[in-house]
Amino acid sequence: MLTKRIIPCLDVKDGLTVKGVQFENLVVAGDAVELGSRYAAEGADELCFLDITATNEKRKTLAELVKRIAAHINIPFTVGGGISSVEDVWVLLNAGADKVTINSAAVYRPELISEAAQAFGAQCIVVAIDAKAIDGHWWVHTHGGRRAIDRRLNDWAKEAQERGAGEILFTAMNADGTKNGFALEATAALSQLLSIPIIASGGAGKPEHFKEVFQQAQADAALAASIFHFNEIGIPELKKYLEQEGVRIRP
């Protein structure tokens, strides 16, 4: 059995880490590279950097940030934000990223997943899915959660896997920033449906939430932001707790 991964997520705007609640009301949490370096030293398994203001004009700026991250951090990291072509993927991998996340562009042109996976390998391609529970069903949203799409979470996740995604990063929009716990039922359904790793995101507020998403929902990794940014939970303490609770984690 593979060990579970703890992944701090850094939403980046103009080089700074920001965090909001349900994708709104952003608060600055610090320099992205400095925070990432701290998490790496504390024992994070991977890092995820998402440029929430990404545009074609800012792609060069994001590549420069990736180079800074790669120069200071010695653990795997994923980068995303506005990626819409194989060339975008190449630029970020070439700058030093280990993986890239593709979100909105893949929804509107699913072939992008296949093209990127064929060009660089599925292990480099993470398909990020932002979904919201509405009337008992999870619906996919794009453009930073601002646009609802007529696609259900499980259907889109299954297609992403079939097209070559190496991992799925599922963010439960209803839970994001609330610290009330991960979306366990939806995550468990994805874990049962798919054969590729599932990264759960949205709702982490205390160590028990990580235990639940690993043991009850069978997530392969758990991603969190503000609890780490604002020192509400320390990564060493979290890992010690999970180990005591029987969750297999990396040292």
Protein backbone atom coordinates (compact mmCIF):
# COMPACT_ATOMS: atom_id res chain seq x y z
CA MET A 1 0.00 0.00 0.00
CA LEU A 2 1.32 3.43 -0.95
CA THR A 3 1.87 5.94 1.81
CA LYS A 4 -0.51 8.88 2.04
CA ARG A 5 0.74 12.34 1.11
CA ILE A 6 0.34 15.71 2.80
CA ILE A 7 0.35 18.57 0.27
CA PRO A 8 0.29 22.23 1.28
CA CYS A 9 -1.32 24.32 -1.45
CA LEU A 10 -0.21 27.84 -2.19
CA ASP A 11 -2.62 29.97 -4.20
CA VAL A 12 -0.39 32.59 -5.80
CA LYS A 13 -1.26 36.12 -6.87
CA ASP A 14 1.60 38.37 -8.00
CA GLY A 15 4.15 36.14 -6.25
CA LEU A 16 2.32 36.20 -2.92
CA THR A 17 0.34 33.38 -1.32
CA VAL A 18 -3.32 34.24 -0.75
CA LYS A 19 -6.23 32.34 0.78
CA GLY A 20 -9.97 32.84 0.82
CA VAL A 21 -13.19 31.09 1.76
CA GLN A 22 -15.09 29.29 -1.03
CA PHE A 23 -12.81 31.01 -3.56
CA GLU A 24 -13.58 34.56 -2.34
CA ASN A 25 -12.32 37.24 0.11
CA LEU A 26 -8.61 36.68 -0.39
CA VAL A 27 -6.11 37.37 2.40
CA VAL A 28 -2.33 37.53 1.87
CA ALA A 29 -0.46 34.77 3.70
CA GLY A 30 3.15 35.46 2.68
CA ASP A 31 5.80 35.00 -0.02
CA ALA A 32 5.15 31.84 -2.02
CA VAL A 33 8.74 30.66 -2.21
CA GLU A 34 9.45 31.37 1.46
CA LEU A 35 6.34 29.48 2.58
CA GLY A 36 7.10 26.60 0.23
CA SER A 37 10.64 26.34 1.58
CA ARG A 38 9.30 26.23 5.13
CA TYR A 39 6.86 23.45 4.32
CA ALA A 40 9.56 21.41 2.61
CA ALA A 41 11.76 21.72 5.69
CA GLU A 42 8.85 20.72 7.94
CA GLY A 43 8.22 17.48 6.08
CA ALA A 44 5.59 18.19 3.43
CA ASP A 45 5.53 15.41 0.85
CA GLU A 46 4.76 17.65 -2.09
CA LEU A 47 3.71 21.23 -2.77
CA CYS A 48 1.10 22.68 -5.09
CA PHE A 49 1.34 26.23 -6.46
CA LEU A 50 -1.73 27.59 -8.25
CA ASP A 51 -1.57 30.95 -10.02
CA ILE A 52 -5.11 32.20 -9.49
CA THR A 53 -4.68 35.21 -11.79
CA ALA A 54 -3.02 33.35 -14.63
CA THR A 55 -3.39 34.72 -18.14
CA ASN A 56 -1.39 34.23 -21.31
CA GLU A 57 0.41 37.48 -20.63
CA LYS A 58 1.48 36.25 -17.20
CA ARG A 59 2.79 32.85 -18.34
CA LYS A 60 6.35 34.16 -18.44
CA THR A 61 5.95 35.51 -14.90
CA LEU A 62 4.72 32.12 -13.71
CA ALA A 63 7.67 30.39 -15.36
CA GLU A 64 10.04 32.72 -13.53
CA LEU A 65 8.31 31.88 -10.25
CA VAL A 66 8.71 28.17 -10.99
CA LYS A 67 12.44 28.67 -11.52
CA ARG A 68 12.66 30.39 -8.11
CA ILE A 69 10.73 27.57 -6.48
CA ALA A 70 12.91 24.90 -8.07
CA ALA A 71 16.04 26.67 -6.86
CA HIS A 72 14.89 26.69 -3.22
CA ILE A 73 12.79 23.55 -2.78
CA ASN A 74 13.94 19.93 -2.82
CA ILE A 75 10.59 18.10 -2.85
CA PRO A 76 8.24 17.51 -5.79
CA PHE A 77 5.93 20.37 -6.67
CA THR A 78 2.98 20.89 -8.97
CA VAL A 79 2.12 24.14 -10.74
CA GLY A 80 -1.11 25.25 -12.33
CA GLY A 81 -3.13 28.23 -13.43
CA GLY A 82 -4.41 29.05 -16.89
CA ILE A 83 -2.63 26.19 -18.65
CA SER A 84 -4.28 25.79 -22.03
CA SER A 85 -1.76 24.16 -24.38
CA VAL A 86 0.98 21.56 -24.57
CA GLU A 87 3.40 24.46 -24.95
CA ASP A 88 2.25 25.89 -21.60
CA VAL A 89 2.92 22.52 -19.98
CA TRP A 90 6.37 22.33 -21.54
CA VAL A 91 7.31 25.82 -20.35
CA LEU A 92 6.49 25.01 -16.72
CA LEU A 93 8.06 21.54 -16.71
CA ASN A 94 11.15 22.96 -18.39
CA ALA A 95 11.33 25.67 -15.70
CA GLY A 96 11.51 22.99 -13.01
CA ALA A 97 7.98 21.86 -12.08
CA ASP A 98 7.49 18.13 -11.52
CA LYS A 99 3.80 18.15 -12.48
CA VAL A 100 1.25 20.56 -13.87
CA THR A 101 -2.45 20.89 -13.13
CA ILE A 102 -4.92 21.45 -15.93
CA ASN A 103 -8.41 22.64 -15.08
CA SER A 104 -10.72 24.84 -17.15
CA ALA A 105 -8.96 24.35 -20.48
CA ALA A 106 -9.33 20.58 -20.20
CA VAL A 107 -13.07 20.86 -19.61
CA TYR A 108 -13.55 22.85 -22.81
CA ARG A 109 -11.02 20.85 -24.85
CA PRO A 110 -10.52 17.42 -23.26
CA GLU A 111 -8.01 16.46 -25.95
CA LEU A 112 -5.50 18.62 -24.10
CA ILE A 113 -5.20 15.91 -21.42
CA SER A 114 -4.32 13.26 -24.00
CA GLU A 115 -1.91 15.53 -25.84
CA ALA A 116 -0.05 16.49 -22.66
CA ALA A 117 0.04 12.95 -21.29
CA GLN A 118 1.41 11.61 -24.57
CA ALA A 119 4.02 14.35 -24.77
CA PHE A 120 5.30 14.25 -21.18
CA GLY A 121 3.86 11.16 -19.49
CA ALA A 122 0.74 10.74 -17.38
CA GLN A 123 2.78 11.11 -14.19
CA CYS A 124 3.21 14.82 -15.01
CA ILE A 125 -0.46 15.58 -15.63
CA VAL A 126 -2.85 16.37 -12.78
CA VAL A 127 -6.41 17.23 -13.76
CA ALA A 128 -7.88 19.62 -11.20
CA ILE A 129 -11.64 19.55 -10.79
CA ASP A 130 -13.53 22.21 -8.84
CA ALA A 131 -17.03 20.96 -8.06
CA LYS A 132 -19.99 22.14 -6.01
CA ALA A 133 -22.80 20.09 -4.50
CA ILE A 134 -26.12 21.37 -5.79
CA ASP A 135 -29.39 19.56 -5.07
CA GLY A 136 -27.61 16.35 -4.21
CA HIS A 137 -25.28 16.23 -7.21
CA TRP A 138 -21.71 17.45 -7.67
CA TRP A 139 -21.38 19.78 -10.65
CA VAL A 140 -18.11 20.85 -12.26
CA HIS A 141 -17.19 24.56 -12.20
CA THR A 142 -14.50 26.37 -14.17
CA HIS A 143 -12.75 29.75 -14.19
CA GLY A 144 -11.81 29.65 -10.52
CA GLY A 145 -15.21 28.30 -9.56
CA ARG A 146 -17.12 31.17 -11.17
CA ARG A 147 -18.74 29.27 -14.03
CA ALA A 148 -21.01 26.23 -13.61
CA ILE A 149 -20.71 23.52 -16.25
CA ASP A 150 -23.32 20.93 -17.22
CA ARG A 151 -21.03 18.04 -16.25
CA ARG A 152 -21.09 15.90 -13.15
CA LEU A 153 -17.96 15.35 -11.11
CA ASN A 154 -17.73 11.57 -11.49
CA ASP A 155 -18.39 11.62 -15.23
CA TRP A 156 -15.71 14.21 -15.88
CA ALA A 157 -13.19 12.54 -13.56
CA LYS A 158 -13.68 9.20 -15.32
CA GLU A 159 -13.18 10.79 -18.73
CA ALA A 160 -10.06 12.60 -17.49
CA GLN A 161 -8.60 9.27 -16.38
CA GLU A 162 -9.45 7.64 -19.70
CA ARG A 163 -7.76 10.48 -21.55
CA GLY A 164 -4.51 10.03 -19.64
CA ALA A 165 -4.61 12.03 -16.42
CA GLY A 166 -2.14 10.75 -13.86
CA GLU A 167 -3.98 12.14 -10.84
CA ILE A 168 -7.21 13.94 -10.00
CA LEU A 169 -7.16 16.96 -7.69
CA PHE A 170 -10.74 17.28 -6.44
CA THR A 171 -11.65 20.52 -4.67
CA ALA A 172 -15.03 20.54 -2.95
CA MET A 173 -16.09 24.15 -3.38
CA ASN A 174 -18.75 23.96 -0.67
CA ALA A 175 -16.09 22.99 1.87
CA ASP A 176 -13.23 25.22 0.67
CA GLY A 177 -11.87 27.36 3.50
CA THR A 178 -14.63 26.35 5.93
CA LYS A 179 -12.43 24.02 8.03
CA ASN A 180 -15.41 21.74 8.58
CA GLY A 181 -13.85 18.69 6.97
CA PHE A 182 -13.32 17.20 3.53
CA ALA A 183 -16.20 16.06 1.31
CA LEU A 184 -15.90 12.42 2.36
CA GLU A 185 -18.73 10.85 0.38
CA ALA A 186 -17.76 12.50 -2.89
CA THR A 187 -14.08 11.67 -2.38
CA ALA A 188 -14.88 8.06 -1.51
CA ALA A 189 -16.98 7.74 -4.66
CA LEU A 190 -14.06 8.98 -6.76
CA SER A 191 -11.66 6.60 -5.02
CA GLN A 192 -13.92 3.66 -5.82
CA LEU A 193 -14.54 4.78 -9.40
CA LEU A 194 -10.98 5.53 -10.49
CA SER A 195 -7.68 3.66 -10.50
CA ILE A 196 -5.47 6.78 -10.46
CA PRO A 197 -4.62 8.69 -7.25
CA ILE A 198 -7.14 11.13 -5.79
CA ILE A 199 -5.98 14.30 -4.05
CA ALA A 200 -8.69 15.64 -1.74
CA SER A 201 -8.95 19.41 -1.28
CA GLY A 202 -11.28 21.73 0.56
CA GLY A 203 -12.34 21.75 4.19
CA ALA A 204 -9.30 20.73 6.26
CA GLY A 205 -9.51 22.27 9.73
CA LYS A 206 -8.04 19.78 12.19
CA PRO A 207 -5.94 16.59 12.19
CA GLU A 208 -9.03 14.38 12.44
CA HIS A 209 -10.16 15.60 9.04
CA PHE A 210 -7.02 14.18 7.43
CA LYS A 211 -7.54 10.86 9.20
CA GLU A 212 -11.12 10.72 7.93
CA VAL A 213 -10.29 11.48 4.31
CA PHE A 214 -7.52 8.87 4.29
CA GLN A 215 -9.28 6.10 6.17
CA GLN A 216 -12.94 6.63 5.28
CA ALA A 217 -12.67 8.14 1.80
CA GLN A 218 -9.45 6.37 0.75
CA ALA A 219 -7.88 9.53 -0.67
CA ASP A 220 -4.27 9.10 -1.73
CA ALA A 221 -3.28 12.62 -0.72
CA ALA A 222 -4.81 15.52 1.17
CA LEU A 223 -4.24 19.13 0.21
CA ALA A 224 -4.72 22.09 2.54
CA ALA A 225 -3.82 25.76 2.65
CA SER A 226 -4.81 28.17 5.40
CA ILE A 227 -4.29 25.76 8.30
CA PHE A 228 -0.65 25.55 7.28
CA HIS A 229 -0.22 29.17 6.20
CA PHE A 230 -1.45 30.53 9.52
CA ASN A 231 0.23 27.90 11.72
CA GLU A 232 -3.02 26.34 12.90
CA ILE A 233 -1.62 22.84 12.33
CA GLY A 234 2.07 22.02 12.02
CA ILE A 235 3.09 19.42 9.45
CA PRO A 236 5.31 17.47 11.91
CA GLU A 237 2.50 17.35 14.47
CA LEU A 238 -0.02 16.30 11.83
CA LYS A 239 2.19 13.48 10.60
CA LYS A 240 2.83 12.26 14.14
CA TYR A 241 -0.90 12.21 14.83
CA LEU A 242 -1.69 10.31 11.63
CA GLU A 243 1.02 7.76 12.32
CA GLN A 244 -0.40 7.17 15.80
CA GLU A 245 -3.83 6.69 14.25
CA GLY A 246 -2.58 3.98 11.91
CA VAL A 247 -2.34 6.02 8.71
CA ARG A 248 0.68 5.09 6.62
CA ILE A 249 2.54 8.30 5.88
CA ARG A 250 5.99 9.24 4.70
CA PRO A 251 8.47 10.12 7.48
